[in-house]
Amino acid sequence: MTLSSPNMATLAFAAWRLFKESLDKDFYQIQGSFGSRLSAMH
C-alpha cells in the first residue's frame, strides 16, 4: 500500500487516530478495573 495520494494519507491517519483512541479507552478501562480490584484487596 502506497501513501502517494493525499487521499490515502488522510485515510491512514484517520484510521490510526481511531485505532489509538480505542486503544487508549481500553487501556483506561483495564487500568480502572485493575485499580478498583487492588483497592478492594486492601
PDB file of N, CA and C in Angstrom:
ATOM      1  N   MET A   1       0.848  -1.196   0.000  1.00  0.00           N
ATOM      2  CA  MET A   1       0.000   0.000   0.000  1.00  0.00           C
ATOM      3  C   MET A   1       0.885   1.248   0.000  1.00  0.00           C
ATOM      4  N   THR A   2       0.641   2.125  -0.943  1.00  0.00           N
ATOM      5  CA  THR A   2       1.444   3.341  -1.022  1.00  0.00           C
ATOM      6  C   THR A   2       0.621   4.539  -0.587  1.00  0.00           C
ATOM      7  N   LEU A   3       1.284   5.483   0.051  1.00  0.00           N
ATOM      8  CA  LEU A   3       0.597   6.689   0.500  1.00  0.00           C
ATOM      9  C   LEU A   3       0.925   7.843  -0.446  1.00  0.00           C
ATOM     10  N   SER A   4       0.925   7.541  -1.755  1.00  0.00           N
ATOM     11  CA  SER A   4       1.300   8.567  -2.726  1.00  0.00           C
ATOM     12  C   SER A   4       0.237   9.659  -2.809  1.00  0.00           C
ATOM     13  N   SER A   5      -1.029   9.266  -2.815  1.00  0.00           N
ATOM     14  CA  SER A   5      -2.089  10.267  -2.922  1.00  0.00           C
ATOM     15  C   SER A   5      -2.427  10.822  -1.540  1.00  0.00           C
ATOM     16  N   PRO A   6      -2.677  12.110  -1.430  1.00  0.00           N
ATOM     17  CA  PRO A   6      -3.027  12.712  -0.132  1.00  0.00           C
ATOM     18  C   PRO A   6      -4.286  12.077   0.446  1.00  0.00           C
ATOM     19  N   ASN A   7      -5.132  11.556  -0.449  1.00  0.00           N
ATOM     20  CA  ASN A   7      -6.353  10.879  -0.037  1.00  0.00           C
ATOM     21  C   ASN A   7      -6.028   9.698   0.868  1.00  0.00           C
ATOM     22  N   MET A   8      -5.104   8.863   0.419  1.00  0.00           N
ATOM     23  CA  MET A   8      -4.734   7.664   1.176  1.00  0.00           C
ATOM     24  C   MET A   8      -4.070   8.042   2.495  1.00  0.00           C
ATOM     25  N   ALA A   9      -3.252   9.079   2.463  1.00  0.00           N
ATOM     26  CA  ALA A   9      -2.569   9.509   3.686  1.00  0.00           C
ATOM     27  C   ALA A   9      -3.597   9.953   4.725  1.00  0.00           C
ATOM     28  N   THR A  10      -4.609  10.680   4.280  1.00  0.00           N
ATOM     29  CA  THR A  10      -5.650  11.144   5.200  1.00  0.00           C
ATOM     30  C   THR A  10      -6.409   9.957   5.779  1.00  0.00           C
ATOM     31  N   LEU A  11      -6.714   8.992   4.928  1.00  0.00           N
ATOM     32  CA  LEU A  11      -7.434   7.800   5.386  1.00  0.00           C
ATOM     33  C   LEU A  11      -6.602   7.040   6.417  1.00  0.00           C
ATOM     34  N   ALA A  12      -5.332   6.864   6.114  1.00  0.00           N
ATOM     35  CA  ALA A  12      -4.462   6.122   7.018  1.00  0.00           C
ATOM     36  C   ALA A  12      -4.354   6.854   8.355  1.00  0.00           C
ATOM     37  N   PHE A  13      -4.237   8.173   8.298  1.00  0.00           N
ATOM     38  CA  PHE A  13      -4.120   8.960   9.530  1.00  0.00           C
ATOM     39  C   PHE A  13      -5.394   8.852  10.357  1.00  0.00           C
ATOM     40  N   ALA A  14      -6.549   8.936   9.687  1.00  0.00           N
ATOM     41  CA  ALA A  14      -7.826   8.832  10.394  1.00  0.00           C
ATOM     42  C   ALA A  14      -7.959   7.452  11.038  1.00  0.00           C
ATOM     43  N   ALA A  15      -7.572   6.415  10.306  1.00  0.00           N
ATOM     44  CA  ALA A  15      -7.668   5.053  10.838  1.00  0.00           C
ATOM     45  C   ALA A  15      -6.750   4.909  12.054  1.00  0.00           C
ATOM     46  N   TRP A  16      -5.556   5.496  11.984  1.00  0.00           N
ATOM     47  CA  TRP A  16      -4.610   5.415  13.098  1.00  0.00           C
ATOM     48  C   TRP A  16      -5.159   6.132  14.323  1.00  0.00           C
ATOM     49  N   ARG A  17      -5.767   7.303  14.088  1.00  0.00           N
ATOM     50  CA  ARG A  17      -6.339   8.059  15.200  1.00  0.00           C
ATOM     51  C   ARG A  17      -7.443   7.242  15.881  1.00  0.00           C
ATOM     52  N   LEU A  18      -8.332   6.651  15.082  1.00  0.00           N
ATOM     53  CA  LEU A  18      -9.430   5.846  15.631  1.00  0.00           C
ATOM     54  C   LEU A  18      -8.870   4.670  16.412  1.00  0.00           C
ATOM     55  N   PHE A  19      -7.873   4.008  15.819  1.00  0.00           N
ATOM     56  CA  PHE A  19      -7.262   2.842  16.457  1.00  0.00           C
ATOM     57  C   PHE A  19      -6.643   3.224  17.797  1.00  0.00           C
ATOM     58  N   LYS A  20      -5.908   4.341  17.796  1.00  0.00           N
ATOM     59  CA  LYS A  20      -5.236   4.762  19.018  1.00  0.00           C
ATOM     60  C   LYS A  20      -6.246   5.173  20.081  1.00  0.00           C
ATOM     61  N   GLU A  21      -7.320   5.854  19.667  1.00  0.00           N
ATOM     62  CA  GLU A  21      -8.321   6.282  20.638  1.00  0.00           C
ATOM     63  C   GLU A  21      -8.974   5.076  21.306  1.00  0.00           C
ATOM     64  N   SER A  22      -9.308   4.057  20.512  1.00  0.00           N
ATOM     65  CA  SER A  22      -9.946   2.871  21.086  1.00  0.00           C
ATOM     66  C   SER A  22      -8.959   2.144  21.997  1.00  0.00           C
ATOM     67  N   LEU A  23      -7.670   2.148  21.617  1.00  0.00           N
ATOM     68  CA  LEU A  23      -6.657   1.520  22.464  1.00  0.00           C
ATOM     69  C   LEU A  23      -6.583   2.232  23.800  1.00  0.00           C
ATOM     70  N   ASP A  24      -6.539   3.574  23.747  1.00  0.00           N
ATOM     71  CA  ASP A  24      -6.455   4.348  24.982  1.00  0.00           C
ATOM     72  C   ASP A  24      -7.664   4.072  25.865  1.00  0.00           C
ATOM     73  N   LYS A  25      -8.853   4.007  25.239  1.00  0.00           N
ATOM     74  CA  LYS A  25     -10.067   3.771  26.011  1.00  0.00           C
ATOM     75  C   LYS A  25      -9.985   2.410  26.705  1.00  0.00           C
ATOM     76  N   ASP A  26      -9.569   1.388  25.953  1.00  0.00           N
ATOM     77  CA  ASP A  26      -9.455   0.044  26.535  1.00  0.00           C
ATOM     78  C   ASP A  26      -8.447   0.051  27.675  1.00  0.00           C
ATOM     79  N   PHE A  27      -7.325   0.767  27.473  1.00  0.00           N
ATOM     80  CA  PHE A  27      -6.280   0.801  28.482  1.00  0.00           C
ATOM     81  C   PHE A  27      -6.803   1.434  29.767  1.00  0.00           C
ATOM     82  N   TYR A  28      -7.534   2.533  29.633  1.00  0.00           N
ATOM     83  CA  TYR A  28      -8.054   3.206  30.827  1.00  0.00           C
ATOM     84  C   TYR A  28      -9.081   2.339  31.528  1.00  0.00           C
ATOM     85  N   GLN A  29      -9.917   1.628  30.752  1.00  0.00           N
ATOM     86  CA  GLN A  29     -10.914   0.748  31.365  1.00  0.00           C
ATOM     87  C   GLN A  29     -10.224  -0.372  32.132  1.00  0.00           C
ATOM     88  N   ILE A  30      -9.214  -0.973  31.512  1.00  0.00           N
ATOM     89  CA  ILE A  30      -8.483  -2.066  32.170  1.00  0.00           C
ATOM     90  C   ILE A  30      -7.790  -1.534  33.423  1.00  0.00           C
ATOM     91  N   GLN A  31      -7.153  -0.363  33.287  1.00  0.00           N
ATOM     92  CA  GLN A  31      -6.456   0.240  34.412  1.00  0.00           C
ATOM     93  C   GLN A  31      -7.436   0.536  35.542  1.00  0.00           C
ATOM     94  N   GLY A  32      -8.623   1.042  35.180  1.00  0.00           N
ATOM     95  CA  GLY A  32      -9.625   1.383  36.185  1.00  0.00           C
ATOM     96  C   GLY A  32     -10.106   0.152  36.944  1.00  0.00           C
ATOM     97  N   SER A  33     -10.429  -0.916  36.212  1.00  0.00           N
ATOM     98  CA  SER A  33     -10.927  -2.123  36.874  1.00  0.00           C
ATOM     99  C   SER A  33      -9.818  -2.749  37.718  1.00  0.00           C
ATOM    100  N   PHE A  34      -8.583  -2.674  37.220  1.00  0.00           N
ATOM    101  CA  PHE A  34      -7.457  -3.222  37.977  1.00  0.00           C
ATOM    102  C   PHE A  34      -7.264  -2.429  39.269  1.00  0.00           C
ATOM    103  N   GLY A  35      -7.380  -1.097  39.161  1.00  0.00           N
ATOM    104  CA  GLY A  35      -7.212  -0.250  40.342  1.00  0.00           C
ATOM    105  C   GLY A  35      -8.282  -0.525  41.376  1.00  0.00           C
ATOM    106  N   SER A  36      -9.530  -0.687  40.939  1.00  0.00           N
ATOM    107  CA  SER A  36     -10.612  -0.932  41.894  1.00  0.00           C
ATOM    108  C   SER A  36     -10.435  -2.304  42.539  1.00  0.00           C
ATOM    109  N   ARG A  37      -9.911  -3.250  41.774  1.00  0.00           N
ATOM    110  CA  ARG A  37      -9.674  -4.582  42.324  1.00  0.00           C
ATOM    111  C   ARG A  37      -8.586  -4.515  43.396  1.00  0.00           C
ATOM    112  N   LEU A  38      -7.552  -3.727  43.102  1.00  0.00           N
ATOM    113  CA  LEU A  38      -6.456  -3.586  44.060  1.00  0.00           C
ATOM    114  C   LEU A  38      -6.956  -2.940  45.345  1.00  0.00           C
ATOM    115  N   SER A  39      -7.752  -1.880  45.222  1.00  0.00           N
ATOM    116  CA  SER A  39      -8.240  -1.189  46.415  1.00  0.00           C
ATOM    117  C   SER A  39      -9.193  -2.086  47.202  1.00  0.00           C
ATOM    118  N   ALA A  40      -9.888  -2.983  46.506  1.00  0.00           N
ATOM    119  CA  ALA A  40     -10.802  -3.894  47.200  1.00  0.00           C
ATOM    120  C   ALA A  40     -10.006  -4.914  48.013  1.00  0.00           C
ATOM    121  N   MET A  41      -8.820  -5.263  47.532  1.00  0.00           N
ATOM    122  CA  MET A  41      -7.999  -6.253  48.232  1.00  0.00           C
ATOM    123  C   MET A  41      -7.442  -5.688  49.539  1.00  0.00           C
ATOM    124  N   HIS A  42      -7.136  -4.404  49.547  1.00  0.00           N
ATOM    125  CA  HIS A  42      -6.524  -3.810  50.737  1.00  0.00           C
ATOM    126  C   HIS A  42      -7.555  -3.483  51.797  1.00  0.00           C
TER     127      HIS A  42
END
